[in-house]
C-alpha atoms as a PDB file:
ATOM      1  CA  UNK A   1      49.176  34.604 -30.401  1.00  0.00           C
ATOM      2  CA  UNK A   2      47.313  33.954 -27.220  1.00  0.00           C
ATOM      3  CA  UNK A   3      44.379  31.576 -27.034  1.00  0.00           C
ATOM      4  CA  UNK A   4      42.881  29.762 -24.069  1.00  0.00           C
ATOM      5  CA  UNK A   5      42.825  26.540 -26.124  1.00  0.00           C
ATOM      6  CA  UNK A   6      46.318  26.651 -27.631  1.00  0.00           C
ATOM      7  CA  UNK A   7      47.654  23.783 -25.514  1.00  0.00           C
ATOM      8  CA  UNK A   8      44.885  21.353 -26.480  1.00  0.00           C
ATOM      9  CA  UNK A   9      43.595  22.431 -29.883  1.00  0.00           C
ATOM     10  CA  UNK A  10      45.042  20.470 -32.784  1.00  0.00           C
ATOM     11  CA  UNK A  11      45.698  23.614 -34.812  1.00  0.00           C
ATOM     12  CA  UNK A  12      47.591  25.601 -32.197  1.00  0.00           C
ATOM     13  CA  UNK A  13      49.931  23.245 -30.374  1.00  0.00           C
ATOM     14  CA  UNK A  14      53.102  24.967 -31.587  1.00  0.00           C
ATOM     15  CA  UNK A  15      51.708  28.502 -31.797  1.00  0.00           C
ATOM     16  CA  UNK A  16      52.898  29.205 -28.247  1.00  0.00           C
ATOM     17  CA  UNK A  17      56.493  29.117 -29.516  1.00  0.00           C
ATOM     18  CA  UNK A  18      58.318  32.332 -30.408  1.00  0.00           C
ATOM     19  CA  UNK A  19      57.699  33.232 -34.083  1.00  0.00           C
ATOM     20  CA  UNK A  20      61.264  32.394 -35.246  1.00  0.00           C
ATOM     21  CA  UNK A  21      61.215  29.108 -33.327  1.00  0.00           C
ATOM     22  CA  UNK A  22      57.773  28.249 -34.741  1.00  0.00           C
ATOM     23  CA  UNK A  23      58.855  28.995 -38.333  1.00  0.00           C
ATOM     24  CA  UNK A  24      62.051  26.971 -37.920  1.00  0.00           C
ATOM     25  CA  UNK A  25      60.125  23.999 -36.508  1.00  0.00           C
ATOM     26  CA  UNK A  26      57.563  24.062 -39.353  1.00  0.00           C
ATOM     27  CA  UNK A  27      60.276  24.334 -42.052  1.00  0.00           C
ATOM     28  CA  UNK A  28      62.232  21.442 -40.527  1.00  0.00           C
ATOM     29  CA  UNK A  29      59.070  19.316 -40.339  1.00  0.00           C
ATOM     30  CA  UNK A  30      58.229  19.989 -43.993  1.00  0.00           C
ATOM     31  CA  UNK A  31      61.792  19.293 -45.149  1.00  0.00           C
ATOM     32  CA  UNK A  32      61.718  15.983 -43.256  1.00  0.00           C
ATOM     33  CA  UNK A  33      58.524  14.954 -45.065  1.00  0.00           C
ATOM     34  CA  UNK A  34      59.900  16.051 -48.440  1.00  0.00           C
ATOM     35  CA  UNK A  35      63.190  14.176 -47.902  1.00  0.00           C
ATOM     36  CA  UNK A  36      61.245  10.932 -47.454  1.00  0.00           C
ATOM     37  CA  UNK A  37      59.808  11.227 -50.981  1.00  0.00           C
ATOM     38  CA  UNK A  38      61.493   9.401 -53.814  1.00  0.00           C
ATOM     39  CA  UNK A  39      61.835  12.634 -55.793  1.00  0.00           C
ATOM     40  CA  UNK A  40      65.445  13.794 -56.114  1.00  0.00           C
ATOM     41  CA  UNK A  41      65.063  17.355 -57.392  1.00  0.00           C
ATOM     42  CA  UNK A  42      62.678  19.032 -54.972  1.00  0.00           C
ATOM     43  CA  UNK A  43      63.259  22.775 -54.833  1.00  0.00           C
ATOM     44  CA  UNK A  44      62.233  24.299 -51.544  1.00  0.00           C
ATOM     45  CA  UNK A  45      61.243  27.961 -51.773  1.00  0.00           C
ATOM     46  CA  UNK A  46      60.841  30.536 -49.061  1.00  0.00           C
ATOM     47  CA  UNK A  47      57.778  29.602 -46.989  1.00  0.00           C
ATOM     48  CA  UNK A  48      55.025  32.088 -46.233  1.00  0.00           C
ATOM     49  CA  UNK A  49      53.602  32.207 -42.717  1.00  0.00           C
ATOM     50  CA  UNK A  50      50.310  33.922 -42.106  1.00  0.00           C
ATOM     51  CA  UNK A  51      49.584  36.018 -39.067  1.00  0.00           C
ATOM     52  CA  UNK A  52      46.718  35.913 -36.639  1.00  0.00           C
ATOM     53  CA  UNK A  53      43.223  36.819 -37.779  1.00  0.00           C
ATOM     54  CA  UNK A  54      43.763  36.106 -41.481  1.00  0.00           C
ATOM     55  CA  UNK A  55      42.978  32.412 -41.895  1.00  0.00           C
ATOM     56  CA  UNK A  56      40.132  32.220 -44.418  1.00  0.00           C
ATOM     57  CA  UNK A  57      39.406  28.462 -44.385  1.00  0.00           C
ATOM     58  CA  UNK A  58      38.551  26.161 -41.542  1.00  0.00           C
ATOM     59  CA  UNK A  59      37.006  22.825 -40.755  1.00  0.00           C
ATOM     60  CA  UNK A  60      35.095  22.444 -37.494  1.00  0.00           C
ATOM     61  CA  UNK A  61      33.577  19.365 -35.910  1.00  0.00           C
ATOM     62  CA  UNK A  62      30.451  19.088 -33.788  1.00  0.00           C
ATOM     63  CA  UNK A  63      28.584  16.543 -31.736  1.00  0.00           C
ATOM     64  CA  UNK A  64      25.341  16.687 -29.814  1.00  0.00           C
ATOM     65  CA  UNK A  65      25.714  15.609 -26.194  1.00  0.00           C
ATOM     66  CA  UNK A  66      23.246  15.887 -23.325  1.00  0.00           C
ATOM     67  CA  UNK A  67      21.102  18.468 -25.089  1.00  0.00           C
ATOM     68  CA  UNK A  68      23.977  20.762 -26.154  1.00  0.00           C
ATOM     69  CA  UNK A  69      26.261  21.040 -29.146  1.00  0.00           C
ATOM     70  CA  UNK A  70      30.002  20.734 -28.599  1.00  0.00           C
ATOM     71  CA  UNK A  71      31.474  22.706 -31.503  1.00  0.00           C
ATOM     72  CA  UNK A  72      35.098  23.384 -32.418  1.00  0.00           C
ATOM     73  CA  UNK A  73      38.384  21.833 -33.474  1.00  0.00           C
ATOM     74  CA  UNK A  74      39.573  18.321 -32.768  1.00  0.00           C
ATOM     75  CA  UNK A  75      41.924  18.030 -29.829  1.00  0.00           C
ATOM     76  CA  UNK A  76      45.562  17.336 -30.734  1.00  0.00           C
ATOM     77  CA  UNK A  77      45.929  13.634 -31.710  1.00  0.00           C
ATOM     78  CA  UNK A  78      42.367  12.873 -30.606  1.00  0.00           C
ATOM     79  CA  UNK A  79      38.754  12.599 -31.739  1.00  0.00           C
ATOM     80  CA  UNK A  80      37.619  14.774 -28.826  1.00  0.00           C
ATOM     81  CA  UNK A  81      36.308  18.212 -29.754  1.00  0.00           C
ATOM     82  CA  UNK A  82      37.681  21.370 -28.139  1.00  0.00           C
ATOM     83  CA  UNK A  83      34.608  23.584 -27.685  1.00  0.00           C
ATOM     84  CA  UNK A  84      35.374  27.089 -28.960  1.00  0.00           C
ATOM     85  CA  UNK A  85      33.598  30.419 -29.300  1.00  0.00           C
ATOM     86  CA  UNK A  86      36.289  32.026 -31.448  1.00  0.00           C
ATOM     87  CA  UNK A  87      39.708  31.323 -32.893  1.00  0.00           C
ATOM     88  CA  UNK A  88      42.383  34.058 -33.029  1.00  0.00           C
ATOM     89  CA  UNK A  89      43.672  32.662 -36.345  1.00  0.00           C
ATOM     90  CA  UNK A  90      40.360  33.028 -38.228  1.00  0.00           C
ATOM     91  CA  UNK A  91      39.106  36.067 -40.109  1.00  0.00           C
ATOM     92  CA  UNK A  92      36.798  38.276 -38.021  1.00  0.00           C
ATOM     93  CA  UNK A  93      33.830  37.536 -40.316  1.00  0.00           C
ATOM     94  CA  UNK A  94      34.241  33.792 -39.677  1.00  0.00           C
ATOM     95  CA  UNK A  95      34.563  34.342 -35.915  1.00  0.00           C
ATOM     96  CA  UNK A  96      31.421  36.475 -35.897  1.00  0.00           C
ATOM     97  CA  UNK A  97      29.524  33.639 -37.607  1.00  0.00           C
ATOM     98  CA  UNK A  98      30.466  30.955 -35.041  1.00  0.00           C
ATOM     99  CA  UNK A  99      27.737  31.801 -32.470  1.00  0.00           C
ATOM    100  CA  UNK A 100      25.102  31.734 -35.232  1.00  0.00           C
ATOM    101  CA  UNK A 101      26.389  28.363 -36.456  1.00  0.00           C
ATOM    102  CA  UNK A 102      26.262  26.988 -32.907  1.00  0.00           C
ATOM    103  CA  UNK A 103      22.634  28.128 -32.644  1.00  0.00           C
ATOM    104  CA  UNK A 104      21.817  26.513 -36.010  1.00  0.00           C
ATOM    105  CA  UNK A 105      23.440  23.229 -34.976  1.00  0.00           C
ATOM    106  CA  UNK A 106      21.596  23.201 -31.651  1.00  0.00           C
ATOM    107  CA  UNK A 107      18.334  23.712 -33.501  1.00  0.00           C
ATOM    108  CA  UNK A 108      19.083  20.997 -36.082  1.00  0.00           C
ATOM    109  CA  UNK A 109      20.215  18.476 -33.480  1.00  0.00           C
ATOM    110  CA  UNK A 110      17.251  19.070 -31.183  1.00  0.00           C
ATOM    111  CA  UNK A 111      14.679  18.209 -33.873  1.00  0.00           C
ATOM    112  CA  UNK A 112      12.778  15.227 -32.578  1.00  0.00           C
ATOM    113  CA  UNK A 113      13.150  12.455 -35.175  1.00  0.00           C
ATOM    114  CA  UNK A 114      10.037  11.290 -36.959  1.00  0.00           C
ATOM    115  CA  UNK A 115       9.663   7.494 -36.746  1.00  0.00           C
ATOM    116  CA  UNK A 116      10.280   5.728 -40.030  1.00  0.00           C
ATOM    117  CA  UNK A 117       7.907   2.858 -40.766  1.00  0.00           C
ATOM    118  CA  UNK A 118       5.649   1.097 -38.301  1.00  0.00           C
ATOM    119  CA  UNK A 119       5.784   1.292 -34.500  1.00  0.00           C
ATOM    120  CA  UNK A 120       7.995  -1.780 -34.211  1.00  0.00           C
ATOM    121  CA  UNK A 121      10.626  -0.029 -36.372  1.00  0.00           C
ATOM    122  CA  UNK A 122      11.083   3.089 -34.219  1.00  0.00           C
ATOM    123  CA  UNK A 123      14.790   2.310 -33.957  1.00  0.00           C
ATOM    124  CA  UNK A 124      15.107   3.358 -37.606  1.00  0.00           C
ATOM    125  CA  UNK A 125      14.610   7.024 -36.634  1.00  0.00           C
ATOM    126  CA  UNK A 126      17.475   9.285 -37.586  1.00  0.00           C
ATOM    127  CA  UNK A 127      18.703  12.157 -35.494  1.00  0.00           C
ATOM    128  CA  UNK A 128      21.658  14.434 -36.165  1.00  0.00           C
ATOM    129  CA  UNK A 129      24.307  13.748 -33.516  1.00  0.00           C
ATOM    130  CA  UNK A 130      27.616  14.717 -35.151  1.00  0.00           C
ATOM    131  CA  UNK A 131      29.216  16.163 -38.236  1.00  0.00           C
ATOM    132  CA  UNK A 132      31.593  18.716 -39.675  1.00  0.00           C
ATOM    133  CA  UNK A 133      31.341  22.262 -40.984  1.00  0.00           C
ATOM    134  CA  UNK A 134      33.731  23.657 -43.556  1.00  0.00           C
ATOM    135  CA  UNK A 135      33.925  27.424 -44.011  1.00  0.00           C
ATOM    136  CA  UNK A 136      35.779  29.328 -46.713  1.00  0.00           C
ATOM    137  CA  UNK A 137      35.837  33.100 -47.067  1.00  0.00           C
ATOM    138  CA  UNK A 138      35.469  33.781 -50.803  1.00  0.00           C
ATOM    139  CA  UNK A 139      35.319  37.060 -52.718  1.00  0.00           C
ATOM    140  CA  UNK A 140      31.507  36.912 -52.747  1.00  0.00           C
ATOM    141  CA  UNK A 141      31.022  35.937 -49.073  1.00  0.00           C
ATOM    142  CA  UNK A 142      31.346  32.899 -46.845  1.00  0.00           C
ATOM    143  CA  UNK A 143      30.947  29.446 -48.350  1.00  0.00           C
ATOM    144  CA  UNK A 144      29.660  26.944 -45.780  1.00  0.00           C
ATOM    145  CA  UNK A 145      29.438  23.179 -46.212  1.00  0.00           C
ATOM    146  CA  UNK A 146      27.568  21.139 -43.594  1.00  0.00           C
ATOM    147  CA  UNK A 147      28.437  17.439 -43.453  1.00  0.00           C
ATOM    148  CA  UNK A 148      26.240  15.411 -41.106  1.00  0.00           C
ATOM    149  CA  UNK A 149      25.714  11.809 -40.036  1.00  0.00           C
ATOM    150  CA  UNK A 150      21.997  11.532 -40.867  1.00  0.00           C
ATOM    151  CA  UNK A 151      19.611  12.142 -43.730  1.00  0.00           C
ATOM    152  CA  UNK A 152      17.864  15.503 -43.522  1.00  0.00           C
ATOM    153  CA  UNK A 153      14.114  15.447 -43.102  1.00  0.00           C
ATOM    154  CA  UNK A 154      11.812  18.298 -44.141  1.00  0.00           C
ATOM    155  CA  UNK A 155      12.045  20.053 -40.772  1.00  0.00           C
ATOM    156  CA  UNK A 156      15.858  20.047 -40.930  1.00  0.00           C
ATOM    157  CA  UNK A 157      15.736  21.464 -44.457  1.00  0.00           C
ATOM    158  CA  UNK A 158      13.325  24.209 -43.401  1.00  0.00           C
ATOM    159  CA  UNK A 159      15.566  25.192 -40.464  1.00  0.00           C
ATOM    160  CA  UNK A 160      18.565  25.485 -42.795  1.00  0.00           C
ATOM    161  CA  UNK A 161      16.533  27.394 -45.398  1.00  0.00           C
ATOM    162  CA  UNK A 162      15.300  29.906 -42.810  1.00  0.00           C
ATOM    163  CA  UNK A 163      18.802  30.294 -41.383  1.00  0.00           C
ATOM    164  CA  UNK A 164      20.281  31.012 -44.817  1.00  0.00           C
ATOM    165  CA  UNK A 165      17.494  33.492 -45.598  1.00  0.00           C
ATOM    166  CA  UNK A 166      18.156  35.428 -42.412  1.00  0.00           C
END
């Protein structure tokens, strides 16, 4: 697999290894974790490794900075987000949705917050500045869960409704 983000993205750090080396490393890592358990009779079967372009579930993070959405995976051992436009591991239908999700997030995050309460309480306004998106390719289409850091107001709900309808 080749990806411009494979050296920084938390999901691809070891994907630059040769396939046999990668599989051996992952098996050894799993066996190490299993050996630390107090269970004595753990039977380890033959592991299954998926290829590129077939991953059907993913969790992406986003944050709104300086008028733009940074959208992608968390950097390896970090809270920083690696901004991506596609991921070679994901199904094509998920990759084709990523630009539309970025546009949706930009629209949601750029909604000017409506002040809550009186003028002296303007600091109670809520604006969407970060969150996560979980995508799962199911038999009946893509299931998308949006987890955000603020309560949705009516304008946010209308943006999401219109996006889903389109």
